[in-house]
Amino acid sequence: MTSADVRPGPFEQELLTSWLARVAVHSGCEPLVLTGAIWPDWRIWTVDADRQVSPEHAQAAAIWFNLPAESVHACTLLAAGNRLHGSINLNGPMWPWITTQGNRNRLRRAGLPFCPKCLAGDVQPYYRLEWRFAWVVGCERHGVRLVDRCDRCHAISEPHRSTAATGDLAHCVECGFDLRRSKCEPVDVQALSFQRRASDIFGTGMAAWGGEEISRTEWFRRARSLLAKDLCQVDARSAAAMGNRQIGLWFELQGPMEREARLRVLAGLLDDEALLVVRSQGRRRAPRSAQSTKVKNRRAKSPRTYPLARERVREVWARWLRRSRLW
């Protein structure tokens, strides 16, 4: 590929990695080849480039595609992160309310969520920015839960590993299954209701909490605090639907089905006005040094000598499967 080749720009709300992979595949080469030509000294696929790109890297892509640098930045999640948190920590390993994929070289620990029906309706299948928002677990247009893995071989969705042989970004990179034919399950009504509410607040910046007018940033901070394990417990029915694979990871590290179950509970908590008032007042916490001393003393007094609970064993097993890319 040379600088004289045709370079289509990104689609509306398209992720940066989706744009790059799509252009490469439709040009008859691998994404690694294209990005190597744009950034010879940057291994873009070893990092989560969808979060942000440096001004220098954005300018290099802008020159290559003959587009303004703003078009490149618009394909990243940086603007969304700043809207959610005021000023995002660029070097933080995880951004609240932005899903994390768990990069290890070119491989991922979590799949990139997608709506099979949206991909089926695209002229060239591509992945949307909003599918990386942790509160987005379903497609509002089609009413189905997002999918993050192949129906045939259960490999996670990794469109950046597509090649010219796959033809587009709608095929599994492991077995070649057409992801547009994935089984579609209806998204939970309560989870979808929370999703719409969060999306409205994200878009308008106007929010209310227990009768109090608060900022968008504060609303998302308080809602995230309600996702604590002791408050937002998944019921037995949801756990059984997930095969009892509750791995206890941070909310942003979980897949669409796990997040859907948590958001269903969170939607109910937001209807509890008394709870919202208590949470808005905050809870006093002991200093970090005092907490550390307390933990040390407790461990010294009562070492673990009893068997792990069944739920804990399942959680450890599910974590191992995830690390090994077997689930």
C-alpha atoms as a PDB file:
ATOM      1  CA  MET A   1       0.000   0.000   0.000  1.00  0.00           C
ATOM      2  CA  THR A   2       1.349   3.433  -0.955  1.00  0.00           C
ATOM      3  CA  SER A   3       0.307   6.979  -0.168  1.00  0.00           C
ATOM      4  CA  ALA A   4      -1.332   7.174  -3.612  1.00  0.00           C
ATOM      5  CA  ASP A   5      -3.934   4.500  -2.808  1.00  0.00           C
ATOM      6  CA  VAL A   6      -7.558   5.362  -2.091  1.00  0.00           C
ATOM      7  CA  ARG A   7      -8.118   5.864   1.655  1.00  0.00           C
ATOM      8  CA  PRO A   8     -11.744   6.015   2.762  1.00  0.00           C
ATOM      9  CA  GLY A   9     -12.376   7.993   5.898  1.00  0.00           C
ATOM     10  CA  PRO A  10     -14.037   6.669   9.059  1.00  0.00           C
ATOM     11  CA  PHE A  11     -17.752   6.040   9.277  1.00  0.00           C
ATOM     12  CA  GLU A  12     -19.871   7.941  11.774  1.00  0.00           C
ATOM     13  CA  GLN A  13     -18.954   7.005  15.362  1.00  0.00           C
ATOM     14  CA  GLU A  14     -16.421   4.411  14.187  1.00  0.00           C
ATOM     15  CA  LEU A  15     -13.621   3.270  16.501  1.00  0.00           C
ATOM     16  CA  LEU A  16     -10.082   4.072  15.420  1.00  0.00           C
ATOM     17  CA  THR A  17      -8.973   0.425  15.374  1.00  0.00           C
ATOM     18  CA  SER A  18     -12.077  -0.544  13.415  1.00  0.00           C
ATOM     19  CA  TRP A  19     -11.353   2.156  10.842  1.00  0.00           C
ATOM     20  CA  LEU A  20      -7.727   1.093  10.397  1.00  0.00           C
ATOM     21  CA  ALA A  21      -8.527  -2.621  10.218  1.00  0.00           C
ATOM     22  CA  ARG A  22     -11.423  -2.067   7.803  1.00  0.00           C
ATOM     23  CA  VAL A  23      -9.355   0.039   5.408  1.00  0.00           C
ATOM     24  CA  ALA A  24      -6.507  -2.488   5.487  1.00  0.00           C
ATOM     25  CA  VAL A  25      -8.717  -5.507   4.856  1.00  0.00           C
ATOM     26  CA  HIS A  26     -10.591  -3.854   2.001  1.00  0.00           C
ATOM     27  CA  SER A  27      -7.266  -2.787   0.503  1.00  0.00           C
ATOM     28  CA  GLY A  28      -6.048  -6.380   0.435  1.00  0.00           C
ATOM     29  CA  CYS A  29      -3.516  -6.289   3.268  1.00  0.00           C
ATOM     30  CA  GLU A  30      -3.321  -6.974   6.989  1.00  0.00           C
ATOM     31  CA  PRO A  31      -3.898  -4.152   9.507  1.00  0.00           C
ATOM     32  CA  LEU A  32      -0.346  -4.698  10.753  1.00  0.00           C
ATOM     33  CA  VAL A  33       1.006  -3.775   7.314  1.00  0.00           C
ATOM     34  CA  LEU A  34      -1.055  -0.598   7.056  1.00  0.00           C
ATOM     35  CA  THR A  35      -0.184   0.668  10.532  1.00  0.00           C
ATOM     36  CA  GLY A  36       3.465  -0.216   9.960  1.00  0.00           C
ATOM     37  CA  ALA A  37       3.471   2.084   6.948  1.00  0.00           C
ATOM     38  CA  ILE A  38       1.762   4.935   8.851  1.00  0.00           C
ATOM     39  CA  TRP A  39       3.743   4.551  12.087  1.00  0.00           C
ATOM     40  CA  PRO A  40       7.004   2.666  11.439  1.00  0.00           C
ATOM     41  CA  ASP A  41       8.159   3.108  15.040  1.00  0.00           C
ATOM     42  CA  TRP A  42       4.871   2.515  16.882  1.00  0.00           C
ATOM     43  CA  ARG A  43       3.316  -0.887  17.585  1.00  0.00           C
ATOM     44  CA  ILE A  44      -0.252   0.335  17.769  1.00  0.00           C
ATOM     45  CA  TRP A  45      -1.851  -3.103  18.197  1.00  0.00           C
ATOM     46  CA  THR A  46      -0.035  -3.774  21.484  1.00  0.00           C
ATOM     47  CA  VAL A  47      -1.922  -0.930  23.217  1.00  0.00           C
ATOM     48  CA  ASP A  48      -5.527   0.174  23.498  1.00  0.00           C
ATOM     49  CA  ALA A  49      -5.298   2.777  20.736  1.00  0.00           C
ATOM     50  CA  ASP A  50      -9.053   3.377  20.889  1.00  0.00           C
ATOM     51  CA  ARG A  51      -8.543   5.256  24.160  1.00  0.00           C
ATOM     52  CA  GLN A  52      -6.227   7.887  22.778  1.00  0.00           C
ATOM     53  CA  VAL A  53      -3.454   8.679  20.317  1.00  0.00           C
ATOM     54  CA  SER A  54      -0.734  11.251  20.748  1.00  0.00           C
ATOM     55  CA  PRO A  55      -0.860  14.453  18.687  1.00  0.00           C
ATOM     56  CA  GLU A  56       2.164  13.228  16.721  1.00  0.00           C
ATOM     57  CA  HIS A  57       0.546   9.890  15.869  1.00  0.00           C
ATOM     58  CA  ALA A  58      -2.749  11.566  14.993  1.00  0.00           C
ATOM     59  CA  GLN A  59      -0.955  13.981  12.688  1.00  0.00           C
ATOM     60  CA  ALA A  60       0.852  11.118  10.930  1.00  0.00           C
ATOM     61  CA  ALA A  61      -2.463   9.355  10.294  1.00  0.00           C
ATOM     62  CA  ALA A  62      -4.074  12.603   9.175  1.00  0.00           C
ATOM     63  CA  ILE A  63      -1.364  13.159   6.582  1.00  0.00           C
ATOM     64  CA  TRP A  64      -1.620   9.566   5.361  1.00  0.00           C
ATOM     65  CA  PHE A  65      -5.399   9.677   4.955  1.00  0.00           C
ATOM     66  CA  ASN A  66      -5.492  13.316   3.855  1.00  0.00           C
ATOM     67  CA  LEU A  67      -7.850  14.245   6.705  1.00  0.00           C
ATOM     68  CA  PRO A  68      -7.697  16.779   9.541  1.00  0.00           C
ATOM     69  CA  ALA A  69      -6.145  15.518  12.774  1.00  0.00           C
ATOM     70  CA  GLU A  70      -9.476  16.181  14.508  1.00  0.00           C
ATOM     71  CA  SER A  71     -11.036  13.361  12.471  1.00  0.00           C
ATOM     72  CA  VAL A  72      -8.488  10.954  13.909  1.00  0.00           C
ATOM     73  CA  HIS A  73      -9.021  12.114  17.491  1.00  0.00           C
ATOM     74  CA  ALA A  74     -12.806  11.840  16.987  1.00  0.00           C
ATOM     75  CA  CYS A  75     -12.391   8.077  16.514  1.00  0.00           C
ATOM     76  CA  THR A  76     -10.939   7.667  20.021  1.00  0.00           C
ATOM     77  CA  LEU A  77     -12.564   7.521  23.451  1.00  0.00           C
ATOM     78  CA  LEU A  78     -10.605  10.454  24.874  1.00  0.00           C
ATOM     79  CA  ALA A  79     -13.418  12.977  24.415  1.00  0.00           C
ATOM     80  CA  ALA A  80     -15.915  10.566  26.005  1.00  0.00           C
ATOM     81  CA  GLY A  81     -13.567   9.978  28.937  1.00  0.00           C
ATOM     82  CA  ASN A  82     -13.227  13.699  29.561  1.00  0.00           C
ATOM     83  CA  ARG A  83     -16.991  14.191  29.382  1.00  0.00           C
ATOM     84  CA  LEU A  84     -17.503  11.405  31.903  1.00  0.00           C
ATOM     85  CA  HIS A  85     -14.828  12.440  34.378  1.00  0.00           C
ATOM     86  CA  GLY A  86     -13.993  16.063  33.666  1.00  0.00           C
ATOM     87  CA  SER A  87     -10.329  15.284  33.138  1.00  0.00           C
ATOM     88  CA  ILE A  88      -9.354  11.679  32.566  1.00  0.00           C
ATOM     89  CA  ASN A  89      -6.094  10.153  33.806  1.00  0.00           C
ATOM     90  CA  LEU A  90      -4.486   9.314  30.479  1.00  0.00           C
ATOM     91  CA  ASN A  91      -2.021   6.866  32.035  1.00  0.00           C
ATOM     92  CA  GLY A  92      -4.560   5.064  34.199  1.00  0.00           C
ATOM     93  CA  PRO A  93      -4.871   1.323  33.498  1.00  0.00           C
ATOM     94  CA  MET A  94      -8.658   1.580  33.536  1.00  0.00           C
ATOM     95  CA  TRP A  95     -11.121   4.357  32.802  1.00  0.00           C
ATOM     96  CA  PRO A  96     -14.414   4.057  34.739  1.00  0.00           C
ATOM     97  CA  TRP A  97     -17.366   3.365  32.443  1.00  0.00           C
ATOM     98  CA  ILE A  98     -15.063   2.572  29.486  1.00  0.00           C
ATOM     99  CA  THR A  99     -14.582  -1.138  28.818  1.00  0.00           C
ATOM    100  CA  THR A 100     -11.077  -2.558  29.031  1.00  0.00           C
ATOM    101  CA  GLN A 101      -9.925  -5.317  26.707  1.00  0.00           C
ATOM    102  CA  GLY A 102      -6.809  -6.499  28.511  1.00  0.00           C
ATOM    103  CA  ASN A 103      -4.055  -6.145  25.900  1.00  0.00           C
ATOM    104  CA  ARG A 104      -1.176  -8.592  25.731  1.00  0.00           C
ATOM    105  CA  ASN A 105       0.827  -7.969  22.581  1.00  0.00           C
ATOM    106  CA  ARG A 106      -1.730  -8.307  19.738  1.00  0.00           C
ATOM    107  CA  LEU A 107      -4.049 -10.556  21.761  1.00  0.00           C
ATOM    108  CA  ARG A 108      -6.940  -9.453  23.962  1.00  0.00           C
ATOM    109  CA  ARG A 109      -8.477 -10.910  27.097  1.00  0.00           C
ATOM    110  CA  ALA A 110     -11.939  -9.528  26.303  1.00  0.00           C
ATOM    111  CA  GLY A 111     -13.737  -9.342  22.981  1.00  0.00           C
ATOM    112  CA  LEU A 112     -14.877  -6.157  21.288  1.00  0.00           C
ATOM    113  CA  PRO A 113     -18.698  -6.073  21.668  1.00  0.00           C
ATOM    114  CA  PHE A 114     -20.901  -5.772  18.602  1.00  0.00           C
ATOM    115  CA  CYS A 115     -24.499  -6.014  17.440  1.00  0.00           C
ATOM    116  CA  PRO A 116     -24.849  -8.758  14.772  1.00  0.00           C
ATOM    117  CA  LYS A 117     -27.808  -6.991  13.188  1.00  0.00           C
ATOM    118  CA  CYS A 118     -25.944  -3.698  12.916  1.00  0.00           C
ATOM    119  CA  LEU A 119     -23.010  -5.432  11.225  1.00  0.00           C
ATOM    120  CA  ALA A 120     -25.455  -7.155   8.864  1.00  0.00           C
ATOM    121  CA  GLY A 121     -26.901  -3.800   7.845  1.00  0.00           C
ATOM    122  CA  ASP A 122     -23.541  -2.129   7.170  1.00  0.00           C
ATOM    123  CA  VAL A 123     -22.196  -1.771   3.641  1.00  0.00           C
ATOM    124  CA  GLN A 124     -18.786  -2.354   5.223  1.00  0.00           C
ATOM    125  CA  PRO A 125     -19.139  -3.800   8.752  1.00  0.00           C
ATOM    126  CA  TYR A 126     -17.553  -1.583  11.389  1.00  0.00           C
ATOM    127  CA  TYR A 127     -17.470  -1.214  15.185  1.00  0.00           C
ATOM    128  CA  ARG A 128     -19.015   1.755  16.973  1.00  0.00           C
ATOM    129  CA  LEU A 129     -17.568   3.974  19.687  1.00  0.00           C
ATOM    130  CA  GLU A 130     -20.608   3.481  21.927  1.00  0.00           C
ATOM    131  CA  TRP A 131     -19.991  -0.279  22.061  1.00  0.00           C
ATOM    132  CA  ARG A 132     -16.982   0.508  24.276  1.00  0.00           C
ATOM    133  CA  PHE A 133     -19.161   2.340  26.829  1.00  0.00           C
ATOM    134  CA  ALA A 134     -19.557   0.009  29.821  1.00  0.00           C
ATOM    135  CA  TRP A 135     -23.215   0.951  30.336  1.00  0.00           C
ATOM    136  CA  VAL A 136     -24.056  -0.049  26.740  1.00  0.00           C
ATOM    137  CA  VAL A 137     -24.970  -3.738  26.838  1.00  0.00           C
ATOM    138  CA  GLY A 138     -27.600  -3.858  24.101  1.00  0.00           C
ATOM    139  CA  CYS A 139     -28.524  -2.343  20.775  1.00  0.00           C
ATOM    140  CA  GLU A 140     -31.346   0.156  21.256  1.00  0.00           C
ATOM    141  CA  ARG A 141     -32.219   0.001  17.574  1.00  0.00           C
ATOM    142  CA  HIS A 142     -32.650  -3.780  17.395  1.00  0.00           C
ATOM    143  CA  GLY A 143     -33.352  -4.579  21.062  1.00  0.00           C
ATOM    144  CA  VAL A 144     -30.729  -7.333  21.312  1.00  0.00           C
ATOM    145  CA  ARG A 145     -27.829  -7.907  23.682  1.00  0.00           C
ATOM    146  CA  LEU A 146     -24.362  -7.134  22.353  1.00  0.00           C
ATOM    147  CA  VAL A 147     -22.123 -10.111  21.541  1.00  0.00           C
ATOM    148  CA  ASP A 148     -18.381 -10.359  22.164  1.00  0.00           C
ATOM    149  CA  ARG A 149     -17.492 -13.810  20.860  1.00  0.00           C
ATOM    150  CA  CYS A 150     -17.987 -16.309  18.059  1.00  0.00           C
ATOM    151  CA  ASP A 151     -21.038 -18.564  18.212  1.00  0.00           C
ATOM    152  CA  ARG A 152     -19.174 -21.460  16.589  1.00  0.00           C
ATOM    153  CA  CYS A 153     -15.756 -21.625  18.280  1.00  0.00           C
ATOM    154  CA  HIS A 154     -16.398 -19.176  21.179  1.00  0.00           C
ATOM    155  CA  ALA A 155     -13.267 -17.186  20.344  1.00  0.00           C
ATOM    156  CA  ILE A 156     -13.506 -13.547  21.421  1.00  0.00           C
ATOM    157  CA  SER A 157     -14.115 -10.836  18.856  1.00  0.00           C
ATOM    158  CA  GLU A 158     -10.798  -9.345  17.689  1.00  0.00           C
ATOM    159  CA  PRO A 159     -11.446  -7.443  14.445  1.00  0.00           C
ATOM    160  CA  HIS A 160      -7.952  -5.950  14.476  1.00  0.00           C
ATOM    161  CA  ARG A 161      -6.619  -9.435  13.655  1.00  0.00           C
ATOM    162  CA  SER A 162      -8.701  -9.670  10.468  1.00  0.00           C
ATOM    163  CA  THR A 163      -6.915 -10.303   7.192  1.00  0.00           C
ATOM    164  CA  ALA A 164      -7.659  -9.910   3.499  1.00  0.00           C
ATOM    165  CA  ALA A 165      -8.713 -13.573   3.536  1.00  0.00           C
ATOM    166  CA  THR A 166     -11.624 -12.828   5.901  1.00  0.00           C
ATOM    167  CA  GLY A 167     -12.864 -10.148   3.514  1.00  0.00           C
ATOM    168  CA  ASP A 168     -14.245  -7.825   6.200  1.00  0.00           C
ATOM    169  CA  LEU A 169     -14.521  -7.302   9.960  1.00  0.00           C
ATOM    170  CA  ALA A 170     -17.650  -9.457  10.297  1.00  0.00           C
ATOM    171  CA  HIS A 171     -15.909 -12.849  10.385  1.00  0.00           C
ATOM    172  CA  CYS A 172     -14.293 -14.714  13.267  1.00  0.00           C
ATOM    173  CA  VAL A 173     -10.505 -14.515  12.967  1.00  0.00           C
ATOM    174  CA  GLU A 174     -10.152 -18.060  14.321  1.00  0.00           C
ATOM    175  CA  CYS A 175     -12.731 -20.142  12.416  1.00  0.00           C
ATOM    176  CA  GLY A 176     -14.114 -17.760   9.779  1.00  0.00           C
ATOM    177  CA  PHE A 177     -17.705 -17.863  11.075  1.00  0.00           C
ATOM    178  CA  ASP A 178     -19.880 -14.987   9.846  1.00  0.00           C
ATOM    179  CA  LEU A 179     -20.530 -12.976  13.024  1.00  0.00           C
ATOM    180  CA  ARG A 180     -23.592 -11.408  11.405  1.00  0.00           C
ATOM    181  CA  ARG A 181     -25.274 -14.798  11.809  1.00  0.00           C
ATOM    182  CA  SER A 182     -24.658 -14.846  15.577  1.00  0.00           C
ATOM    183  CA  LYS A 183     -27.613 -15.787  17.760  1.00  0.00           C
ATOM    184  CA  CYS A 184     -29.344 -12.658  19.023  1.00  0.00           C
ATOM    185  CA  GLU A 185     -30.828 -12.626  22.528  1.00  0.00           C
ATOM    186  CA  PRO A 186     -33.216  -9.862  23.650  1.00  0.00           C
ATOM    187  CA  VAL A 187     -31.585  -7.426  26.037  1.00  0.00           C
ATOM    188  CA  ASP A 188     -33.064  -7.150  29.532  1.00  0.00           C
ATOM    189  CA  VAL A 189     -35.677  -4.397  29.766  1.00  0.00           C
ATOM    190  CA  GLN A 190     -34.356  -2.926  33.036  1.00  0.00           C
ATOM    191  CA  ALA A 191     -30.750  -2.954  31.849  1.00  0.00           C
ATOM    192  CA  LEU A 192     -31.787  -1.268  28.610  1.00  0.00           C
ATOM    193  CA  SER A 193     -33.740   1.313  30.598  1.00  0.00           C
ATOM    194  CA  PHE A 194     -30.622   2.182  32.597  1.00  0.00           C
ATOM    195  CA  GLN A 195     -28.596   2.289  29.386  1.00  0.00           C
ATOM    196  CA  ARG A 196     -30.965   4.818  27.848  1.00  0.00           C
ATOM    197  CA  ARG A 197     -30.965   6.901  31.002  1.00  0.00           C
ATOM    198  CA  ALA A 198     -27.159   6.929  31.184  1.00  0.00           C
ATOM    199  CA  SER A 199     -26.857   7.741  27.476  1.00  0.00           C
ATOM    200  CA  ASP A 200     -29.256  10.668  27.856  1.00  0.00           C
ATOM    201  CA  ILE A 201     -27.262  12.046  30.778  1.00  0.00           C
ATOM    202  CA  PHE A 202     -24.016  11.523  28.868  1.00  0.00           C
ATOM    203  CA  GLY A 203     -25.419  13.432  25.907  1.00  0.00           C
ATOM    204  CA  THR A 204     -27.214  16.283  27.670  1.00  0.00           C
ATOM    205  CA  GLY A 205     -25.067  16.699  30.782  1.00  0.00           C
ATOM    206  CA  MET A 206     -28.201  17.105  32.919  1.00  0.00           C
ATOM    207  CA  ALA A 207     -28.804  14.681  35.802  1.00  0.00           C
ATOM    208  CA  ALA A 208     -30.850  14.312  38.971  1.00  0.00           C
ATOM    209  CA  TRP A 209     -30.065  12.193  42.032  1.00  0.00           C
ATOM    210  CA  GLY A 210     -32.631  11.758  44.764  1.00  0.00           C
ATOM    211  CA  GLY A 211     -34.309  15.040  43.857  1.00  0.00           C
ATOM    212  CA  GLU A 212     -30.972  16.859  43.670  1.00  0.00           C
ATOM    213  CA  GLU A 213     -29.620  18.394  40.479  1.00  0.00           C
ATOM    214  CA  ILE A 214     -26.057  17.223  39.912  1.00  0.00           C
ATOM    215  CA  SER A 215     -23.505  17.277  37.115  1.00  0.00           C
ATOM    216  CA  ARG A 216     -23.000  14.513  34.600  1.00  0.00           C
ATOM    217  CA  THR A 217     -19.599  13.685  36.116  1.00  0.00           C
ATOM    218  CA  GLU A 218     -21.041  13.388  39.623  1.00  0.00           C
ATOM    219  CA  TRP A 219     -23.952  11.211  38.464  1.00  0.00           C
ATOM    220  CA  PHE A 220     -21.666   8.699  36.791  1.00  0.00           C
ATOM    221  CA  ARG A 221     -19.367   8.701  39.833  1.00  0.00           C
ATOM    222  CA  ARG A 222     -22.238   7.945  42.206  1.00  0.00           C
ATOM    223  CA  ALA A 223     -23.752   5.340  39.890  1.00  0.00           C
ATOM    224  CA  ARG A 224     -20.377   3.629  39.633  1.00  0.00           C
ATOM    225  CA  SER A 225     -20.136   3.493  43.431  1.00  0.00           C
ATOM    226  CA  LEU A 226     -23.443   1.581  43.534  1.00  0.00           C
ATOM    227  CA  LEU A 227     -21.854  -1.199  41.485  1.00  0.00           C
ATOM    228  CA  ALA A 228     -19.950  -2.307  44.576  1.00  0.00           C
ATOM    229  CA  LYS A 229     -20.151  -6.058  45.085  1.00  0.00           C
ATOM    230  CA  ASP A 230     -21.975  -5.756  48.420  1.00  0.00           C
ATOM    231  CA  LEU A 231     -24.715  -3.570  46.903  1.00  0.00           C
ATOM    232  CA  CYS A 232     -25.104  -4.789  43.333  1.00  0.00           C
ATOM    233  CA  GLN A 233     -25.295  -8.565  43.758  1.00  0.00           C
ATOM    234  CA  VAL A 234     -26.335 -10.675  40.780  1.00  0.00           C
ATOM    235  CA  ASP A 235     -29.315 -12.925  41.490  1.00  0.00           C
ATOM    236  CA  ALA A 236     -29.279 -16.709  41.069  1.00  0.00           C
ATOM    237  CA  ARG A 237     -31.249 -16.606  37.806  1.00  0.00           C
ATOM    238  CA  SER A 238     -28.758 -14.281  36.132  1.00  0.00           C
ATOM    239  CA  ALA A 239     -25.836 -16.284  37.493  1.00  0.00           C
ATOM    240  CA  ALA A 240     -27.302 -19.503  36.109  1.00  0.00           C
ATOM    241  CA  ALA A 241     -27.833 -17.858  32.706  1.00  0.00           C
ATOM    242  CA  MET A 242     -24.132 -16.997  32.650  1.00  0.00           C
ATOM    243  CA  GLY A 243     -23.195 -20.560  33.563  1.00  0.00           C
ATOM    244  CA  ASN A 244     -22.283 -19.372  37.078  1.00  0.00           C
ATOM    245  CA  ARG A 245     -19.197 -17.738  35.597  1.00  0.00           C
ATOM    246  CA  GLN A 246     -19.021 -14.665  37.811  1.00  0.00           C
ATOM    247  CA  ILE A 247     -15.332 -13.921  37.798  1.00  0.00           C
ATOM    248  CA  GLY A 248     -15.431 -10.961  40.168  1.00  0.00           C
ATOM    249  CA  LEU A 249     -13.526  -8.612  37.854  1.00  0.00           C
ATOM    250  CA  TRP A 250     -14.023  -4.880  37.696  1.00  0.00           C
ATOM    251  CA  PHE A 251     -17.210  -3.882  35.942  1.00  0.00           C
ATOM    252  CA  GLU A 252     -15.285  -2.466  32.977  1.00  0.00           C
ATOM    253  CA  LEU A 253     -13.512  -5.800  32.452  1.00  0.00           C
ATOM    254  CA  GLN A 254     -16.717  -7.820  32.200  1.00  0.00           C
ATOM    255  CA  GLY A 255     -18.530  -8.948  29.072  1.00  0.00           C
ATOM    256  CA  PRO A 256     -21.959  -7.731  27.906  1.00  0.00           C
ATOM    257  CA  MET A 257     -23.894 -10.541  29.617  1.00  0.00           C
ATOM    258  CA  GLU A 258     -22.202  -9.954  32.977  1.00  0.00           C
ATOM    259  CA  ARG A 259     -22.635  -6.200  32.770  1.00  0.00           C
ATOM    260  CA  GLU A 260     -26.271  -6.602  31.759  1.00  0.00           C
ATOM    261  CA  ALA A 261     -26.960  -8.602  34.945  1.00  0.00           C
ATOM    262  CA  ARG A 262     -25.270  -5.949  37.081  1.00  0.00           C
ATOM    263  CA  LEU A 263     -27.098  -3.080  35.389  1.00  0.00           C
ATOM    264  CA  ARG A 264     -30.433  -4.827  35.927  1.00  0.00           C
ATOM    265  CA  VAL A 265     -29.758  -4.683  39.677  1.00  0.00           C
ATOM    266  CA  LEU A 266     -28.390  -1.140  39.466  1.00  0.00           C
ATOM    267  CA  ALA A 267     -31.566   0.054  37.735  1.00  0.00           C
ATOM    268  CA  GLY A 268     -33.548  -1.138  40.768  1.00  0.00           C
ATOM    269  CA  LEU A 269     -31.157   0.559  43.192  1.00  0.00           C
ATOM    270  CA  LEU A 270     -31.620   3.887  41.440  1.00  0.00           C
ATOM    271  CA  ASP A 271     -35.346   3.688  42.208  1.00  0.00           C
ATOM    272  CA  ASP A 272     -34.580   3.559  45.955  1.00  0.00           C
ATOM    273  CA  GLU A 273     -34.690   7.227  46.953  1.00  0.00           C
ATOM    274  CA  ALA A 274     -33.531   6.533  50.532  1.00  0.00           C
ATOM    275  CA  LEU A 275     -30.451   4.694  49.312  1.00  0.00           C
ATOM    276  CA  LEU A 276     -29.587   7.490  46.907  1.00  0.00           C
ATOM    277  CA  VAL A 277     -29.720  10.059  49.695  1.00  0.00           C
ATOM    278  CA  VAL A 278     -27.416   7.967  51.902  1.00  0.00           C
ATOM    279  CA  ARG A 279     -24.938   7.373  49.078  1.00  0.00           C
ATOM    280  CA  SER A 280     -24.931  11.069  48.134  1.00  0.00           C
ATOM    281  CA  GLN A 281     -23.852  11.938  51.693  1.00  0.00           C
ATOM    282  CA  GLY A 282     -20.889   9.607  51.361  1.00  0.00           C
ATOM    283  CA  ARG A 283     -19.362   7.172  53.819  1.00  0.00           C
ATOM    284  CA  ARG A 284     -16.501   8.024  56.106  1.00  0.00           C
ATOM    285  CA  ARG A 285     -13.528   5.755  55.566  1.00  0.00           C
ATOM    286  CA  ALA A 286     -10.642   5.033  57.868  1.00  0.00           C
ATOM    287  CA  PRO A 287      -7.229   6.366  56.815  1.00  0.00           C
ATOM    288  CA  ARG A 288      -5.303   4.043  54.534  1.00  0.00           C
ATOM    289  CA  SER A 289      -2.663   3.424  57.207  1.00  0.00           C
ATOM    290  CA  ALA A 290      -5.321   2.376  59.723  1.00  0.00           C
ATOM    291  CA  GLN A 291      -6.933   0.075  57.210  1.00  0.00           C
ATOM    292  CA  SER A 292      -3.604  -1.580  56.422  1.00  0.00           C
ATOM    293  CA  THR A 293      -2.879  -2.150  60.133  1.00  0.00           C
ATOM    294  CA  LYS A 294      -6.314  -3.655  60.659  1.00  0.00           C
ATOM    295  CA  VAL A 295      -5.846  -6.072  57.783  1.00  0.00           C
ATOM    296  CA  LYS A 296      -2.418  -7.125  59.016  1.00  0.00           C
ATOM    297  CA  ASN A 297      -3.678  -7.819  62.517  1.00  0.00           C
ATOM    298  CA  ARG A 298      -6.650  -9.806  61.253  1.00  0.00           C
ATOM    299  CA  ARG A 299      -4.459 -11.941  59.026  1.00  0.00           C
ATOM    300  CA  ALA A 300      -2.031 -12.558  61.854  1.00  0.00           C
ATOM    301  CA  LYS A 301      -4.808 -13.702  64.189  1.00  0.00           C
ATOM    302  CA  SER A 302      -6.847 -15.914  61.889  1.00  0.00           C
ATOM    303  CA  PRO A 303      -4.934 -17.470  59.004  1.00  0.00           C
ATOM    304  CA  ARG A 304      -7.069 -19.178  56.352  1.00  0.00           C
ATOM    305  CA  THR A 305      -7.359 -22.841  57.268  1.00  0.00           C
ATOM    306  CA  TYR A 306     -10.837 -23.604  55.914  1.00  0.00           C
ATOM    307  CA  PRO A 307     -11.789 -24.624  52.362  1.00  0.00           C
ATOM    308  CA  LEU A 308     -12.759 -22.000  49.818  1.00  0.00           C
ATOM    309  CA  ALA A 309     -16.463 -21.498  49.185  1.00  0.00           C
ATOM    310  CA  ARG A 310     -17.913 -23.015  46.029  1.00  0.00           C
ATOM    311  CA  GLU A 311     -18.554 -19.563  44.560  1.00  0.00           C
ATOM    312  CA  ARG A 312     -14.926 -18.590  45.147  1.00  0.00           C
ATOM    313  CA  VAL A 313     -13.666 -21.749  43.432  1.00  0.00           C
ATOM    314  CA  ARG A 314     -15.872 -21.019  40.420  1.00  0.00           C
ATOM    315  CA  GLU A 315     -14.578 -17.462  40.331  1.00  0.00           C
ATOM    316  CA  VAL A 316     -10.929 -18.570  40.351  1.00  0.00           C
ATOM    317  CA  TRP A 317     -11.617 -21.164  37.666  1.00  0.00           C
ATOM    318  CA  ALA A 318     -13.390 -18.618  35.460  1.00  0.00           C
ATOM    319  CA  ARG A 319     -10.481 -16.197  35.849  1.00  0.00           C
ATOM    320  CA  TRP A 320      -8.063 -18.916  34.699  1.00  0.00           C
ATOM    321  CA  LEU A 321     -10.236 -19.662  31.664  1.00  0.00           C
ATOM    322  CA  ARG A 322     -10.255 -15.973  30.776  1.00  0.00           C
ATOM    323  CA  ARG A 323      -6.481 -15.625  31.102  1.00  0.00           C
ATOM    324  CA  SER A 324      -6.045 -18.703  28.921  1.00  0.00           C
ATOM    325  CA  ARG A 325      -8.502 -17.325  26.328  1.00  0.00           C
ATOM    326  CA  LEU A 326     -10.659 -20.427  26.745  1.00  0.00           C
ATOM    327  CA  TRP A 327     -13.774 -18.436  27.698  1.00  0.00           C
END
